[in-house]
Amino acid sequence: MNKNDLIADMKRSAGGSFVPRSWLAEYLRLKDPKSVDRYISGLPRLNGRYFIDDIAERMMNECDYRR
C-alpha cells in the first residue's frame, strides 16, 4: 500500500478529509485513542480534527515501505 492508497482508504472510511483522534484509533483497531498520538503529535488541527493527508504522511514515514 502506498501513501495515496492509504489516503484514499482513510477518506473513504471517514467520509471526509478531517478526523478526530478517536476515529484514527478505531481505524487502526486500537482500544486506546492515546495510542495514535505518535502519528498526530505536532500536526495542525481544525476544531480538534486532523487532516488525513498529514496523518498518512506521518504513518508512511514511520514504516519501512522501501522494499
N, C-alpha and C. Protein backbone atom coordinates (compact mmCIF):
# COMPACT_ATOMS: atom_id res chain seq x y z
N MET A 1 0.85 -1.17 0.00
CA MET A 1 0.00 0.00 0.00
C MET A 1 0.90 1.23 0.00
N ASN A 2 0.64 2.15 -0.90
CA ASN A 2 1.40 3.39 -0.92
C ASN A 2 0.60 4.49 -0.23
N LYS A 3 1.20 5.66 -0.11
CA LYS A 3 0.56 6.76 0.63
C LYS A 3 -0.78 7.15 0.01
N ASN A 4 -0.85 7.21 -1.30
CA ASN A 4 -2.10 7.60 -1.96
C ASN A 4 -3.20 6.57 -1.73
N ASP A 5 -2.85 5.30 -1.72
CA ASP A 5 -3.83 4.25 -1.41
C ASP A 5 -4.34 4.39 0.02
N LEU A 6 -3.42 4.68 0.94
CA LEU A 6 -3.79 4.85 2.34
C LEU A 6 -4.72 6.05 2.51
N ILE A 7 -4.38 7.16 1.87
CA ILE A 7 -5.22 8.36 1.95
C ILE A 7 -6.61 8.07 1.41
N ALA A 8 -6.68 7.43 0.26
CA ALA A 8 -7.98 7.13 -0.35
C ALA A 8 -8.81 6.21 0.54
N ASP A 9 -8.18 5.21 1.14
CA ASP A 9 -8.90 4.28 2.01
C ASP A 9 -9.40 4.99 3.27
N MET A 10 -8.55 5.82 3.85
CA MET A 10 -8.93 6.53 5.06
C MET A 10 -10.07 7.51 4.78
N LYS A 11 -10.00 8.24 3.67
CA LYS A 11 -11.05 9.21 3.34
C LYS A 11 -12.37 8.50 3.03
N ARG A 12 -12.29 7.37 2.37
CA ARG A 12 -13.49 6.59 2.07
C ARG A 12 -14.13 6.10 3.37
N SER A 13 -13.32 5.62 4.27
CA SER A 13 -13.81 5.11 5.54
C SER A 13 -14.36 6.23 6.43
N ALA A 14 -13.69 7.38 6.41
CA ALA A 14 -14.08 8.50 7.27
C ALA A 14 -15.24 9.30 6.69
N GLY A 15 -15.37 9.26 5.38
CA GLY A 15 -16.40 10.07 4.74
C GLY A 15 -16.02 11.54 4.64
N GLY A 16 -14.73 11.83 4.74
CA GLY A 16 -14.25 13.21 4.66
C GLY A 16 -12.75 13.26 4.77
N SER A 17 -12.23 14.47 4.90
CA SER A 17 -10.78 14.66 4.92
C SER A 17 -10.20 14.95 6.30
N PHE A 18 -11.05 15.20 7.28
CA PHE A 18 -10.59 15.52 8.63
C PHE A 18 -11.19 14.54 9.62
N VAL A 19 -10.36 14.07 10.56
CA VAL A 19 -10.82 13.07 11.53
C VAL A 19 -10.29 13.40 12.93
N PRO A 20 -11.06 13.02 13.96
CA PRO A 20 -10.56 13.17 15.32
C PRO A 20 -9.64 12.00 15.69
N ARG A 21 -8.93 12.17 16.77
CA ARG A 21 -8.01 11.14 17.25
C ARG A 21 -8.74 9.82 17.48
N SER A 22 -9.94 9.88 18.03
CA SER A 22 -10.69 8.65 18.32
C SER A 22 -11.00 7.86 17.05
N TRP A 23 -11.28 8.56 15.96
CA TRP A 23 -11.57 7.86 14.70
C TRP A 23 -10.31 7.13 14.22
N LEU A 24 -9.16 7.79 14.31
CA LEU A 24 -7.91 7.17 13.86
C LEU A 24 -7.62 5.90 14.66
N ALA A 25 -7.84 5.97 15.96
CA ALA A 25 -7.63 4.78 16.80
C ALA A 25 -8.56 3.65 16.38
N GLU A 26 -9.80 3.99 16.12
CA GLU A 26 -10.77 2.97 15.68
C GLU A 26 -10.36 2.39 14.32
N TYR A 27 -9.92 3.25 13.41
CA TYR A 27 -9.49 2.82 12.08
C TYR A 27 -8.33 1.82 12.17
N LEU A 28 -7.42 2.09 13.11
CA LEU A 28 -6.26 1.22 13.30
C LEU A 28 -6.55 0.06 14.25
N ARG A 29 -7.80 -0.04 14.70
CA ARG A 29 -8.25 -1.10 15.61
C ARG A 29 -7.47 -1.09 16.94
N LEU A 30 -7.30 0.12 17.47
CA LEU A 30 -6.63 0.29 18.75
C LEU A 30 -7.67 0.71 19.79
N LYS A 31 -7.58 0.15 20.98
CA LYS A 31 -8.58 0.45 22.02
C LYS A 31 -8.38 1.82 22.64
N ASP A 32 -7.15 2.23 22.80
CA ASP A 32 -6.86 3.50 23.47
C ASP A 32 -6.52 4.58 22.44
N PRO A 33 -7.32 5.64 22.36
CA PRO A 33 -7.03 6.71 21.40
C PRO A 33 -5.66 7.35 21.59
N LYS A 34 -5.11 7.28 22.79
CA LYS A 34 -3.79 7.85 23.02
C LYS A 34 -2.70 7.08 22.28
N SER A 35 -3.02 5.88 21.85
CA SER A 35 -2.05 5.05 21.12
C SER A 35 -1.67 5.64 19.77
N VAL A 36 -2.47 6.56 19.25
CA VAL A 36 -2.18 7.14 17.94
C VAL A 36 -1.48 8.49 18.05
N ASP A 37 -1.17 8.92 19.26
CA ASP A 37 -0.55 10.23 19.45
C ASP A 37 0.75 10.39 18.67
N ARG A 38 1.48 9.32 18.49
CA ARG A 38 2.75 9.42 17.75
C ARG A 38 2.52 9.81 16.29
N TYR A 39 1.34 9.53 15.75
CA TYR A 39 1.04 9.89 14.37
C TYR A 39 0.51 11.31 14.24
N ILE A 40 -0.07 11.85 15.31
CA ILE A 40 -0.72 13.16 15.20
C ILE A 40 -0.03 14.26 16.00
N SER A 41 0.94 13.89 16.83
CA SER A 41 1.63 14.88 17.64
C SER A 41 2.28 15.95 16.77
N GLY A 42 1.95 17.20 17.04
CA GLY A 42 2.54 18.31 16.30
C GLY A 42 1.85 18.65 14.99
N LEU A 43 0.88 17.84 14.58
CA LEU A 43 0.18 18.14 13.33
C LEU A 43 -0.85 19.25 13.57
N PRO A 44 -1.07 20.10 12.56
CA PRO A 44 -2.11 21.13 12.71
C PRO A 44 -3.48 20.46 12.78
N ARG A 45 -4.40 21.12 13.48
CA ARG A 45 -5.75 20.55 13.57
C ARG A 45 -6.77 21.67 13.44
N LEU A 46 -7.94 21.28 13.05
CA LEU A 46 -9.05 22.20 12.85
C LEU A 46 -10.22 21.69 13.68
N ASN A 47 -10.60 22.42 14.69
CA ASN A 47 -11.70 22.00 15.58
C ASN A 47 -11.47 20.61 16.15
N GLY A 48 -10.23 20.31 16.52
CA GLY A 48 -9.91 19.01 17.12
C GLY A 48 -9.81 17.87 16.12
N ARG A 49 -9.81 18.19 14.85
CA ARG A 49 -9.72 17.17 13.80
C ARG A 49 -8.44 17.37 13.00
N TYR A 50 -7.90 16.26 12.55
CA TYR A 50 -6.63 16.26 11.81
C TYR A 50 -6.87 15.92 10.35
N PHE A 51 -6.05 16.51 9.48
CA PHE A 51 -6.14 16.29 8.04
C PHE A 51 -5.58 14.90 7.72
N ILE A 52 -6.34 14.10 7.06
CA ILE A 52 -5.95 12.72 6.75
C ILE A 52 -4.63 12.66 5.98
N ASP A 53 -4.42 13.57 5.05
CA ASP A 53 -3.19 13.56 4.26
C ASP A 53 -1.95 13.72 5.17
N ASP A 54 -2.07 14.57 6.20
CA ASP A 54 -0.96 14.75 7.14
C ASP A 54 -0.71 13.49 7.95
N ILE A 55 -1.78 12.85 8.39
CA ILE A 55 -1.66 11.62 9.17
C ILE A 55 -1.01 10.53 8.33
N ALA A 56 -1.47 10.38 7.10
CA ALA A 56 -0.92 9.34 6.21
C ALA A 56 0.56 9.59 5.94
N GLU A 57 0.93 10.83 5.76
CA GLU A 57 2.34 11.17 5.53
C GLU A 57 3.18 10.73 6.73
N ARG A 58 2.71 11.03 7.92
CA ARG A 58 3.43 10.66 9.14
C ARG A 58 3.51 9.13 9.27
N MET A 59 2.41 8.45 8.99
CA MET A 59 2.40 6.99 9.11
C MET A 59 3.36 6.34 8.12
N MET A 60 3.37 6.81 6.90
CA MET A 60 4.24 6.22 5.89
C MET A 60 5.72 6.52 6.18
N ASN A 61 6.00 7.66 6.79
CA ASN A 61 7.37 7.98 7.15
C ASN A 61 7.89 7.07 8.26
N GLU A 62 6.99 6.55 9.08
CA GLU A 62 7.39 5.69 10.19
C GLU A 62 7.57 4.22 9.78
N CYS A 63 6.97 3.83 8.68
CA CYS A 63 7.10 2.43 8.29
C CYS A 63 8.16 2.28 7.21
N ASP A 64 8.65 1.08 7.06
CA ASP A 64 9.67 0.81 6.05
C ASP A 64 8.98 0.25 4.82
N TYR A 65 8.63 1.13 3.89
CA TYR A 65 7.93 0.68 2.69
C TYR A 65 8.82 0.73 1.45
N ARG A 66 10.14 0.78 1.64
CA ARG A 66 11.09 0.82 0.53
C ARG A 66 11.60 -0.56 0.18
N ARG A 67 10.79 -1.55 0.09
CA ARG A 67 11.19 -2.93 -0.15
C ARG A 67 11.84 -3.14 -1.48
